[in-house]
N, C-alpha and C. Protein backbone atom coordinates (compact mmCIF):
# COMPACT_ATOMS: atom_id res chain seq x y z
N MET A 1 -119.21 121.15 107.28
CA MET A 1 -119.94 120.89 106.06
C MET A 1 -120.32 119.41 106.02
N ALA A 2 -121.52 119.15 105.52
CA ALA A 2 -122.00 117.77 105.42
C ALA A 2 -121.45 117.07 104.19
N GLY A 3 -120.85 117.80 103.29
CA GLY A 3 -120.30 117.22 102.07
C GLY A 3 -119.49 118.26 101.34
N PRO A 4 -119.04 117.92 100.14
CA PRO A 4 -118.25 118.88 99.36
C PRO A 4 -119.06 120.11 98.99
N VAL A 5 -118.38 121.24 98.89
CA VAL A 5 -119.04 122.50 98.51
C VAL A 5 -118.24 123.10 97.36
N ARG A 6 -118.97 123.48 96.32
CA ARG A 6 -118.31 124.11 95.17
C ARG A 6 -118.22 125.62 95.40
N ARG A 7 -117.25 126.24 94.74
CA ARG A 7 -117.10 127.69 94.82
C ARG A 7 -118.40 128.35 94.36
N GLY A 8 -118.90 129.30 95.14
CA GLY A 8 -120.10 130.04 94.78
C GLY A 8 -121.40 129.34 95.13
N GLU A 9 -121.33 128.12 95.64
CA GLU A 9 -122.54 127.39 96.00
C GLU A 9 -123.13 127.97 97.28
N PRO A 10 -124.44 128.24 97.30
CA PRO A 10 -125.03 128.77 98.52
C PRO A 10 -125.02 127.72 99.64
N LEU A 11 -124.79 128.19 100.86
CA LEU A 11 -124.82 127.30 102.01
C LEU A 11 -126.22 127.32 102.60
N THR A 12 -126.75 126.13 102.87
CA THR A 12 -128.09 126.00 103.44
C THR A 12 -128.04 125.13 104.68
N ASP A 13 -129.17 125.01 105.36
CA ASP A 13 -129.22 124.18 106.55
C ASP A 13 -128.96 122.71 106.25
N THR A 14 -129.23 122.26 105.03
CA THR A 14 -128.97 120.86 104.69
C THR A 14 -127.53 120.62 104.27
N SER A 15 -126.77 121.67 103.99
CA SER A 15 -125.38 121.48 103.59
C SER A 15 -124.41 121.62 104.75
N THR A 16 -124.90 122.03 105.90
CA THR A 16 -124.03 122.20 107.06
C THR A 16 -124.51 121.31 108.20
N VAL A 17 -123.58 120.97 109.06
CA VAL A 17 -123.93 120.22 110.25
C VAL A 17 -123.48 121.02 111.46
N GLY A 18 -124.20 120.92 112.51
CA GLY A 18 -123.88 121.70 113.70
C GLY A 18 -123.36 120.82 114.81
N PRO A 19 -123.04 121.43 115.92
CA PRO A 19 -122.50 120.67 117.04
C PRO A 19 -123.48 119.66 117.60
N GLY A 20 -124.76 119.78 117.29
CA GLY A 20 -125.76 118.85 117.79
C GLY A 20 -125.55 117.44 117.30
N LEU A 21 -124.84 117.25 116.21
CA LEU A 21 -124.63 115.90 115.70
C LEU A 21 -123.79 115.06 116.64
N VAL A 22 -122.85 115.66 117.33
CA VAL A 22 -122.00 114.89 118.22
C VAL A 22 -122.62 114.70 119.60
N ASP A 23 -123.70 115.41 119.89
CA ASP A 23 -124.32 115.29 121.21
C ASP A 23 -124.76 113.87 121.53
N GLY A 24 -125.22 113.12 120.54
CA GLY A 24 -125.73 111.78 120.79
C GLY A 24 -124.72 110.67 120.60
N LEU A 25 -123.46 111.02 120.39
CA LEU A 25 -122.45 109.98 120.16
C LEU A 25 -122.19 109.17 121.42
N VAL A 26 -122.00 107.88 121.21
CA VAL A 26 -121.59 106.98 122.29
C VAL A 26 -120.13 107.27 122.60
N ASP A 27 -119.74 107.16 123.86
CA ASP A 27 -118.36 107.40 124.24
C ASP A 27 -117.43 106.53 123.40
N GLY A 28 -116.42 107.13 122.78
CA GLY A 28 -115.47 106.41 121.95
C GLY A 28 -115.81 106.45 120.47
N ASP A 29 -117.03 106.88 120.12
CA ASP A 29 -117.41 106.99 118.71
C ASP A 29 -116.98 108.33 118.14
N VAL A 30 -116.78 108.37 116.85
CA VAL A 30 -116.44 109.59 116.12
C VAL A 30 -117.35 109.69 114.91
N LEU A 31 -117.43 110.89 114.36
CA LEU A 31 -118.13 111.08 113.08
C LEU A 31 -117.10 110.99 111.98
N THR A 32 -117.46 110.36 110.89
CA THR A 32 -116.59 110.30 109.73
C THR A 32 -117.44 110.40 108.47
N THR A 33 -116.88 111.01 107.46
CA THR A 33 -117.55 111.11 106.16
C THR A 33 -117.01 110.02 105.27
N VAL A 34 -117.90 109.26 104.68
CA VAL A 34 -117.51 108.22 103.74
C VAL A 34 -118.14 108.54 102.39
N HIS A 35 -117.45 108.14 101.34
CA HIS A 35 -117.98 108.32 99.99
C HIS A 35 -118.38 106.95 99.47
N LEU A 36 -119.68 106.80 99.26
CA LEU A 36 -120.26 105.53 98.86
C LEU A 36 -120.79 105.62 97.44
N ARG A 37 -120.97 104.47 96.83
CA ARG A 37 -121.59 104.44 95.51
C ARG A 37 -122.98 105.07 95.60
N ASP A 38 -123.35 105.87 94.58
CA ASP A 38 -124.64 106.56 94.58
C ASP A 38 -125.82 105.64 94.91
N PRO A 39 -125.92 104.44 94.32
CA PRO A 39 -127.09 103.60 94.64
C PRO A 39 -127.17 103.26 96.13
N ALA A 40 -126.02 103.10 96.79
CA ALA A 40 -126.03 102.78 98.22
C ALA A 40 -126.54 103.96 99.03
N VAL A 41 -126.12 105.16 98.67
CA VAL A 41 -126.52 106.35 99.42
C VAL A 41 -128.04 106.56 99.37
N THR A 42 -128.66 106.20 98.27
CA THR A 42 -130.11 106.39 98.15
C THR A 42 -130.89 105.50 99.12
N LEU A 43 -130.26 104.48 99.65
CA LEU A 43 -130.92 103.57 100.60
C LEU A 43 -130.88 104.08 102.03
N LEU A 44 -130.06 105.10 102.30
CA LEU A 44 -129.78 105.50 103.68
C LEU A 44 -130.65 106.64 104.17
N ALA A 45 -130.90 106.60 105.47
CA ALA A 45 -131.60 107.69 106.15
C ALA A 45 -130.96 107.85 107.53
N PRO A 46 -130.95 109.06 108.08
CA PRO A 46 -130.40 109.25 109.42
C PRO A 46 -131.03 108.29 110.42
N GLY A 47 -130.18 107.71 111.26
CA GLY A 47 -130.64 106.75 112.26
C GLY A 47 -130.48 105.31 111.83
N ASP A 48 -130.28 105.04 110.54
CA ASP A 48 -130.07 103.67 110.08
C ASP A 48 -128.78 103.12 110.65
N THR A 49 -128.75 101.83 110.91
CA THR A 49 -127.54 101.13 111.32
C THR A 49 -127.09 100.29 110.14
N VAL A 50 -125.82 100.45 109.75
CA VAL A 50 -125.30 99.77 108.56
C VAL A 50 -123.97 99.11 108.85
N THR A 51 -123.61 98.19 107.98
CA THR A 51 -122.28 97.59 107.98
C THR A 51 -121.56 98.15 106.77
N VAL A 52 -120.35 98.69 106.97
CA VAL A 52 -119.57 99.25 105.87
C VAL A 52 -118.58 98.19 105.40
N VAL A 53 -118.58 97.95 104.09
CA VAL A 53 -117.66 96.98 103.50
C VAL A 53 -116.81 97.66 102.45
N ALA A 54 -115.64 97.08 102.21
CA ALA A 54 -114.74 97.58 101.17
C ALA A 54 -114.52 96.45 100.18
N ALA A 55 -114.62 96.78 98.89
CA ALA A 55 -114.42 95.80 97.84
C ALA A 55 -113.24 96.20 96.98
N ASP A 56 -112.56 95.21 96.47
CA ASP A 56 -111.45 95.44 95.54
C ASP A 56 -112.04 95.80 94.19
N PRO A 57 -111.75 96.98 93.65
CA PRO A 57 -112.35 97.37 92.37
C PRO A 57 -111.94 96.46 91.21
N ARG A 58 -110.84 95.73 91.36
CA ARG A 58 -110.41 94.80 90.31
C ARG A 58 -111.06 93.44 90.48
N GLY A 59 -111.70 93.20 91.62
CA GLY A 59 -112.37 91.93 91.85
C GLY A 59 -111.44 90.79 92.17
N THR A 60 -110.21 91.09 92.57
CA THR A 60 -109.26 90.01 92.86
C THR A 60 -109.27 89.59 94.32
N ALA A 61 -109.94 90.34 95.17
CA ALA A 61 -110.00 89.98 96.59
C ALA A 61 -111.45 90.08 97.06
N ALA A 62 -111.78 89.30 98.06
CA ALA A 62 -113.12 89.32 98.62
C ALA A 62 -113.37 90.64 99.35
N ALA A 63 -114.62 91.03 99.43
CA ALA A 63 -114.99 92.21 100.20
C ALA A 63 -114.69 91.97 101.67
N ALA A 64 -114.34 93.06 102.38
CA ALA A 64 -114.01 92.96 103.80
C ALA A 64 -114.89 93.91 104.59
N VAL A 65 -115.35 93.46 105.74
CA VAL A 65 -116.14 94.30 106.63
C VAL A 65 -115.19 95.24 107.36
N LEU A 66 -115.48 96.55 107.29
CA LEU A 66 -114.65 97.55 107.96
C LEU A 66 -115.30 98.11 109.21
N ALA A 67 -116.63 98.17 109.21
CA ALA A 67 -117.34 98.73 110.37
C ALA A 67 -118.69 98.03 110.50
N ARG A 68 -118.96 97.57 111.69
CA ARG A 68 -120.26 96.95 111.98
C ARG A 68 -121.06 97.92 112.84
N GLU A 69 -122.33 97.98 112.58
CA GLU A 69 -123.25 98.80 113.37
C GLU A 69 -122.87 100.27 113.38
N ALA A 70 -122.45 100.78 112.22
CA ALA A 70 -122.23 102.22 112.08
C ALA A 70 -123.60 102.89 111.97
N THR A 71 -123.73 104.05 112.55
CA THR A 71 -125.01 104.77 112.52
C THR A 71 -124.94 105.90 111.51
N VAL A 72 -125.93 105.94 110.62
CA VAL A 72 -126.02 107.03 109.65
C VAL A 72 -126.48 108.27 110.40
N VAL A 73 -125.68 109.33 110.33
CA VAL A 73 -126.00 110.58 111.02
C VAL A 73 -126.69 111.54 110.06
N THR A 74 -126.14 111.68 108.88
CA THR A 74 -126.78 112.55 107.88
C THR A 74 -126.34 112.10 106.49
N VAL A 75 -127.22 112.32 105.54
CA VAL A 75 -126.95 112.08 104.13
C VAL A 75 -127.31 113.38 103.41
N PRO A 76 -126.32 114.05 102.83
CA PRO A 76 -126.63 115.30 102.14
C PRO A 76 -127.67 115.09 101.04
N VAL A 77 -128.55 116.06 100.93
CA VAL A 77 -129.63 116.01 99.95
C VAL A 77 -129.37 117.04 98.86
N GLU A 78 -129.56 116.63 97.62
CA GLU A 78 -129.38 117.54 96.48
C GLU A 78 -130.50 118.59 96.48
N ALA A 79 -130.32 119.64 95.70
CA ALA A 79 -131.31 120.72 95.61
C ALA A 79 -132.68 120.20 95.18
N ASP A 80 -132.70 119.12 94.38
CA ASP A 80 -133.98 118.58 93.91
C ASP A 80 -134.59 117.60 94.90
N GLY A 81 -133.98 117.46 96.09
CA GLY A 81 -134.53 116.59 97.13
C GLY A 81 -134.06 115.16 97.08
N THR A 82 -133.17 114.83 96.15
CA THR A 82 -132.69 113.46 96.03
C THR A 82 -131.33 113.31 96.70
N THR A 83 -130.95 112.07 96.97
CA THR A 83 -129.61 111.77 97.44
C THR A 83 -128.86 111.15 96.28
N GLY A 84 -127.56 111.14 96.38
CA GLY A 84 -126.75 110.61 95.28
C GLY A 84 -126.58 111.68 94.23
N GLY A 85 -125.37 112.14 94.05
CA GLY A 85 -125.13 113.28 93.17
C GLY A 85 -125.00 112.95 91.70
N GLY A 86 -125.07 111.68 91.32
CA GLY A 86 -124.95 111.31 89.93
C GLY A 86 -123.52 111.22 89.44
N SER A 87 -122.54 111.50 90.32
CA SER A 87 -121.14 111.43 89.92
C SER A 87 -120.57 110.03 90.13
N GLY A 88 -121.38 109.16 90.67
CA GLY A 88 -120.92 107.80 90.95
C GLY A 88 -120.71 107.55 92.42
N VAL A 89 -120.30 108.59 93.16
CA VAL A 89 -120.13 108.47 94.61
C VAL A 89 -120.72 109.70 95.29
N SER A 90 -121.22 109.49 96.49
CA SER A 90 -121.80 110.57 97.28
C SER A 90 -121.41 110.38 98.74
N PRO A 91 -121.35 111.49 99.50
CA PRO A 91 -120.94 111.38 100.90
C PRO A 91 -122.10 110.98 101.81
N ALA A 92 -121.73 110.38 102.92
CA ALA A 92 -122.65 110.13 104.02
C ALA A 92 -121.83 110.30 105.29
N VAL A 93 -122.44 110.82 106.33
CA VAL A 93 -121.74 110.99 107.62
C VAL A 93 -122.21 109.87 108.53
N LEU A 94 -121.24 109.10 109.05
CA LEU A 94 -121.53 107.96 109.90
C LEU A 94 -120.85 108.11 111.25
N ALA A 95 -121.45 107.55 112.29
CA ALA A 95 -120.85 107.48 113.63
C ALA A 95 -120.42 106.04 113.86
N MET A 96 -119.18 105.89 114.37
CA MET A 96 -118.64 104.56 114.62
C MET A 96 -117.45 104.69 115.56
N PRO A 97 -116.98 103.57 116.11
CA PRO A 97 -115.79 103.63 116.94
C PRO A 97 -114.60 104.16 116.14
N GLU A 98 -113.71 104.88 116.83
CA GLU A 98 -112.58 105.52 116.17
C GLU A 98 -111.70 104.53 115.41
N ASP A 99 -111.44 103.35 115.97
CA ASP A 99 -110.58 102.39 115.28
C ASP A 99 -111.18 101.94 113.96
N GLU A 100 -112.51 101.78 113.90
CA GLU A 100 -113.17 101.41 112.65
C GLU A 100 -113.11 102.57 111.65
N ALA A 101 -113.26 103.79 112.14
CA ALA A 101 -113.19 104.96 111.26
C ALA A 101 -111.80 105.09 110.64
N LEU A 102 -110.77 104.81 111.42
CA LEU A 102 -109.41 104.88 110.90
C LEU A 102 -109.16 103.81 109.84
N ALA A 103 -109.65 102.59 110.08
CA ALA A 103 -109.50 101.51 109.10
C ALA A 103 -110.26 101.85 107.82
N LEU A 104 -111.43 102.41 107.98
CA LEU A 104 -112.25 102.79 106.83
C LEU A 104 -111.56 103.88 106.02
N SER A 105 -111.00 104.86 106.69
CA SER A 105 -110.31 105.95 106.01
C SER A 105 -109.11 105.43 105.21
N SER A 106 -108.37 104.53 105.80
CA SER A 106 -107.21 103.96 105.13
C SER A 106 -107.62 103.14 103.92
N ALA A 107 -108.65 102.33 104.05
CA ALA A 107 -109.09 101.46 102.95
C ALA A 107 -109.73 102.23 101.81
N SER A 108 -110.32 103.37 102.12
CA SER A 108 -111.08 104.10 101.09
C SER A 108 -110.20 104.66 99.98
N THR A 109 -108.89 104.70 100.18
CA THR A 109 -108.02 105.22 99.13
C THR A 109 -107.80 104.22 98.01
N ALA A 110 -107.97 102.93 98.28
CA ALA A 110 -107.70 101.92 97.26
C ALA A 110 -108.87 100.98 96.99
N ARG A 111 -109.93 101.10 97.78
CA ARG A 111 -111.04 100.17 97.65
C ARG A 111 -112.35 100.94 97.48
N VAL A 112 -113.35 100.26 96.98
CA VAL A 112 -114.68 100.83 96.79
C VAL A 112 -115.50 100.53 98.04
N LEU A 113 -116.10 101.58 98.63
CA LEU A 113 -116.89 101.38 99.84
C LEU A 113 -118.36 101.18 99.50
N ASP A 114 -119.00 100.32 100.26
CA ASP A 114 -120.42 100.05 100.09
C ASP A 114 -120.99 99.78 101.47
N VAL A 115 -122.30 99.72 101.57
CA VAL A 115 -122.94 99.43 102.85
C VAL A 115 -123.90 98.26 102.70
N LEU A 116 -124.04 97.53 103.79
CA LEU A 116 -125.06 96.49 103.91
C LEU A 116 -126.10 97.05 104.86
N VAL A 117 -127.34 97.05 104.44
CA VAL A 117 -128.42 97.58 105.27
C VAL A 117 -129.27 96.40 105.71
N PRO A 118 -129.23 96.07 107.00
CA PRO A 118 -130.00 94.91 107.47
C PRO A 118 -131.49 95.20 107.52
N ALA A 119 -132.27 94.15 107.46
CA ALA A 119 -133.72 94.28 107.61
C ALA A 119 -134.02 94.76 109.03
N PRO A 120 -135.08 95.56 109.18
CA PRO A 120 -135.42 96.00 110.53
C PRO A 120 -135.78 94.82 111.42
N GLU A 121 -135.46 94.96 112.69
CA GLU A 121 -135.79 93.90 113.65
C GLU A 121 -137.29 93.84 113.83
N THR A 122 -137.83 92.64 113.89
CA THR A 122 -139.25 92.47 114.17
C THR A 122 -139.41 92.12 115.63
N ARG A 123 -140.43 92.64 116.22
CA ARG A 123 -140.62 92.41 117.66
C ARG A 123 -141.82 91.56 117.90
């Protein structure tokens, strides 16, 4: 599943992910689901490269970088075609090295996750 599923909710091609998602992974990378603030999720599209940061919700500690150059694999889309479920947080599936995914998973229980989206490279 690309995100949470409620009881009785119909399953569609946009709510499921298939084995094809892992076909393009770099050796040592894993897929992980992160829950980001809704405004951040609306900025993402598959293929984007992002930096994942964790912030202290109380504001007593500086934000920390948890993953650099994570690749957005999929962002679940609502029935109305939008991203961000309006609940404050929404899932996104990212590819990154396993050690970064483990650090991100551990930090997500006590910190707020966000992403930094760099400007596209100009050639």
